[in-house]
C-alpha atoms as a PDB file:
ATOM      1  CA  MET A   1      14.178   3.055  -1.172  1.00  0.00           C
ATOM      2  CA  LYS A   2      13.625   0.272  -4.030  1.00  0.00           C
ATOM      3  CA  TRP A   3      10.363  -1.394  -4.558  1.00  0.00           C
ATOM      4  CA  ASP A   4       9.483  -4.551  -6.265  1.00  0.00           C
ATOM      5  CA  ALA A   5       5.931  -3.398  -7.635  1.00  0.00           C
ATOM      6  CA  GLU A   6       3.937  -0.243  -8.086  1.00  0.00           C
ATOM      7  CA  LEU A   7       0.151   0.243  -8.032  1.00  0.00           C
ATOM      8  CA  ASP A   8      -1.296   3.554  -9.423  1.00  0.00           C
ATOM      9  CA  ALA A   9      -4.640   4.127  -7.540  1.00  0.00           C
ATOM     10  CA  ILE A  10      -4.702   7.776  -8.488  1.00  0.00           C
ATOM     11  CA  GLY A  11      -8.260   9.032  -8.907  1.00  0.00           C
ATOM     12  CA  LEU A  12      -9.698   5.950  -7.171  1.00  0.00           C
ATOM     13  CA  LEU A  13     -11.817   6.479  -3.980  1.00  0.00           C
ATOM     14  CA  CYS A  14     -12.149   4.496  -0.725  1.00  0.00           C
ATOM     15  CA  PRO A  15     -12.198   1.307  -0.605  1.00  0.00           C
ATOM     16  CA  LEU A  16     -10.599   0.850  -4.151  1.00  0.00           C
ATOM     17  CA  PRO A  17      -6.978   1.814  -3.230  1.00  0.00           C
ATOM     18  CA  VAL A  18      -6.962  -0.660  -0.309  1.00  0.00           C
ATOM     19  CA  LEU A  19      -8.716  -3.380  -2.141  1.00  0.00           C
ATOM     20  CA  LYS A  20      -6.338  -3.166  -5.230  1.00  0.00           C
ATOM     21  CA  ALA A  21      -3.315  -3.030  -3.008  1.00  0.00           C
ATOM     22  CA  ARG A  22      -4.637  -6.306  -1.240  1.00  0.00           C
ATOM     23  CA  LYS A  23      -4.921  -8.043  -4.475  1.00  0.00           C
ATOM     24  CA  ARG A  24      -1.444  -6.825  -5.776  1.00  0.00           C
ATOM     25  CA  LEU A  25       0.195  -7.775  -2.459  1.00  0.00           C
ATOM     26  CA  SER A  26      -1.388 -11.353  -2.746  1.00  0.00           C
ATOM     27  CA  ALA A  27       0.497 -11.970  -5.934  1.00  0.00           C
ATOM     28  CA  LEU A  28       3.838 -10.852  -4.431  1.00  0.00           C
ATOM     29  CA  PRO A  29       6.214 -13.079  -2.515  1.00  0.00           C
ATOM     30  CA  PRO A  30       6.793 -12.551   1.228  1.00  0.00           C
ATOM     31  CA  GLY A  31       8.968  -9.564   1.906  1.00  0.00           C
ATOM     32  CA  ALA A  32       8.380  -7.857  -1.394  1.00  0.00           C
ATOM     33  CA  VAL A  33       7.736  -4.077  -1.288  1.00  0.00           C
ATOM     34  CA  LEU A  34       4.694  -2.399  -2.992  1.00  0.00           C
ATOM     35  CA  ARG A  35       4.768   1.214  -3.816  1.00  0.00           C
ATOM     36  CA  LEU A  36       1.119   2.458  -3.759  1.00  0.00           C
ATOM     37  CA  LEU A  37       0.267   5.881  -5.368  1.00  0.00           C
ATOM     38  CA  ALA A  38      -3.277   7.343  -4.114  1.00  0.00           C
ATOM     39  CA  THR A  39      -5.051  10.617  -4.209  1.00  0.00           C
ATOM     40  CA  ASP A  40      -7.935   9.738  -1.892  1.00  0.00           C
ATOM     41  CA  PRO A  41      -7.598  11.764   1.273  1.00  0.00           C
ATOM     42  CA  ALA A  42      -8.998   8.877   3.164  1.00  0.00           C
ATOM     43  CA  ALA A  43      -5.986   6.711   2.334  1.00  0.00           C
ATOM     44  CA  HIS A  44      -3.948   8.456   5.071  1.00  0.00           C
ATOM     45  CA  VAL A  45      -6.145   6.407   7.406  1.00  0.00           C
ATOM     46  CA  ASP A  46      -7.271   3.316   5.378  1.00  0.00           C
ATOM     47  CA  VAL A  47      -3.730   2.282   4.138  1.00  0.00           C
ATOM     48  CA  PRO A  48      -2.066   2.171   7.712  1.00  0.00           C
ATOM     49  CA  HIS A  49      -5.248   0.392   9.163  1.00  0.00           C
ATOM     50  CA  TYR A  50      -5.165  -2.116   6.415  1.00  0.00           C
ATOM     51  CA  CYS A  51      -1.292  -2.978   6.957  1.00  0.00           C
ATOM     52  CA  ALA A  52      -1.877  -3.341  10.799  1.00  0.00           C
ATOM     53  CA  GLU A  53      -4.827  -5.560  10.194  1.00  0.00           C
ATOM     54  CA  ALA A  54      -3.323  -7.755   7.540  1.00  0.00           C
ATOM     55  CA  GLY A  55       0.114  -7.866   9.246  1.00  0.00           C
ATOM     56  CA  HIS A  56       2.067  -6.011   6.520  1.00  0.00           C
ATOM     57  CA  ASP A  57       4.691  -3.345   7.360  1.00  0.00           C
ATOM     58  CA  LEU A  58       4.028   0.233   6.484  1.00  0.00           C
ATOM     59  CA  ILE A  59       7.658   1.156   5.777  1.00  0.00           C
ATOM     60  CA  GLY A  60       7.132   4.628   4.576  1.00  0.00           C
ATOM     61  CA  SER A  61       4.410   7.318   3.576  1.00  0.00           C
ATOM     62  CA  GLU A  62       4.814  10.820   2.146  1.00  0.00           C
ATOM     63  CA  GLN A  63       3.139  13.108   0.084  1.00  0.00           C
ATOM     64  CA  GLU A  64       4.286  14.227  -3.432  1.00  0.00           C
ATOM     65  CA  GLY A  65       2.106  17.045  -4.495  1.00  0.00           C
ATOM     66  CA  ASP A  66      -1.442  15.655  -4.464  1.00  0.00           C
ATOM     67  CA  THR A  67      -0.503  12.208  -4.367  1.00  0.00           C
ATOM     68  CA  LEU A  68      -0.015  10.042  -1.235  1.00  0.00           C
ATOM     69  CA  VAL A  69       2.922   7.573  -1.646  1.00  0.00           C
ATOM     70  CA  PHE A  70       3.036   4.291   0.600  1.00  0.00           C
ATOM     71  CA  LEU A  71       5.615   1.654   0.860  1.00  0.00           C
ATOM     72  CA  ILE A  72       4.199  -1.620   2.045  1.00  0.00           C
ATOM     73  CA  ARG A  73       6.284  -4.732   2.812  1.00  0.00           C
ATOM     74  CA  LYS A  74       4.344  -8.019   2.330  1.00  0.00           C
ATOM     75  CA  LYS A  75       4.250  -9.855   5.668  1.00  0.00           C
ATOM     76  CA  ASP A  76       6.255 -13.045   5.948  1.00  0.00           C
ATOM     77  CA  GLN A  77       4.035 -16.227   5.715  1.00  0.00           C
ATOM     78  CA  LEU A  78       5.417 -17.342   9.342  1.00  0.00           C
ATOM     79  CA  ARG A  79       3.817 -14.258  10.966  1.00  0.00           C
END
């Protein structure tokens, strides 16, 4: 899948990956996709929870070696 922006949060611990994702998503237009890279084990729980709370769509997640990769679609403003 294609993404519009990427955020490298490798090596950062909770809550920094989610806080940085929130900041990056705020600068993107509605419907844009952010690819988030993280190594914090808590990201498995934190990122889906953040997406659910903020109304963003978690459209994919996978593990590539030690890195967790999340694809997040920014919510439409009308939601």
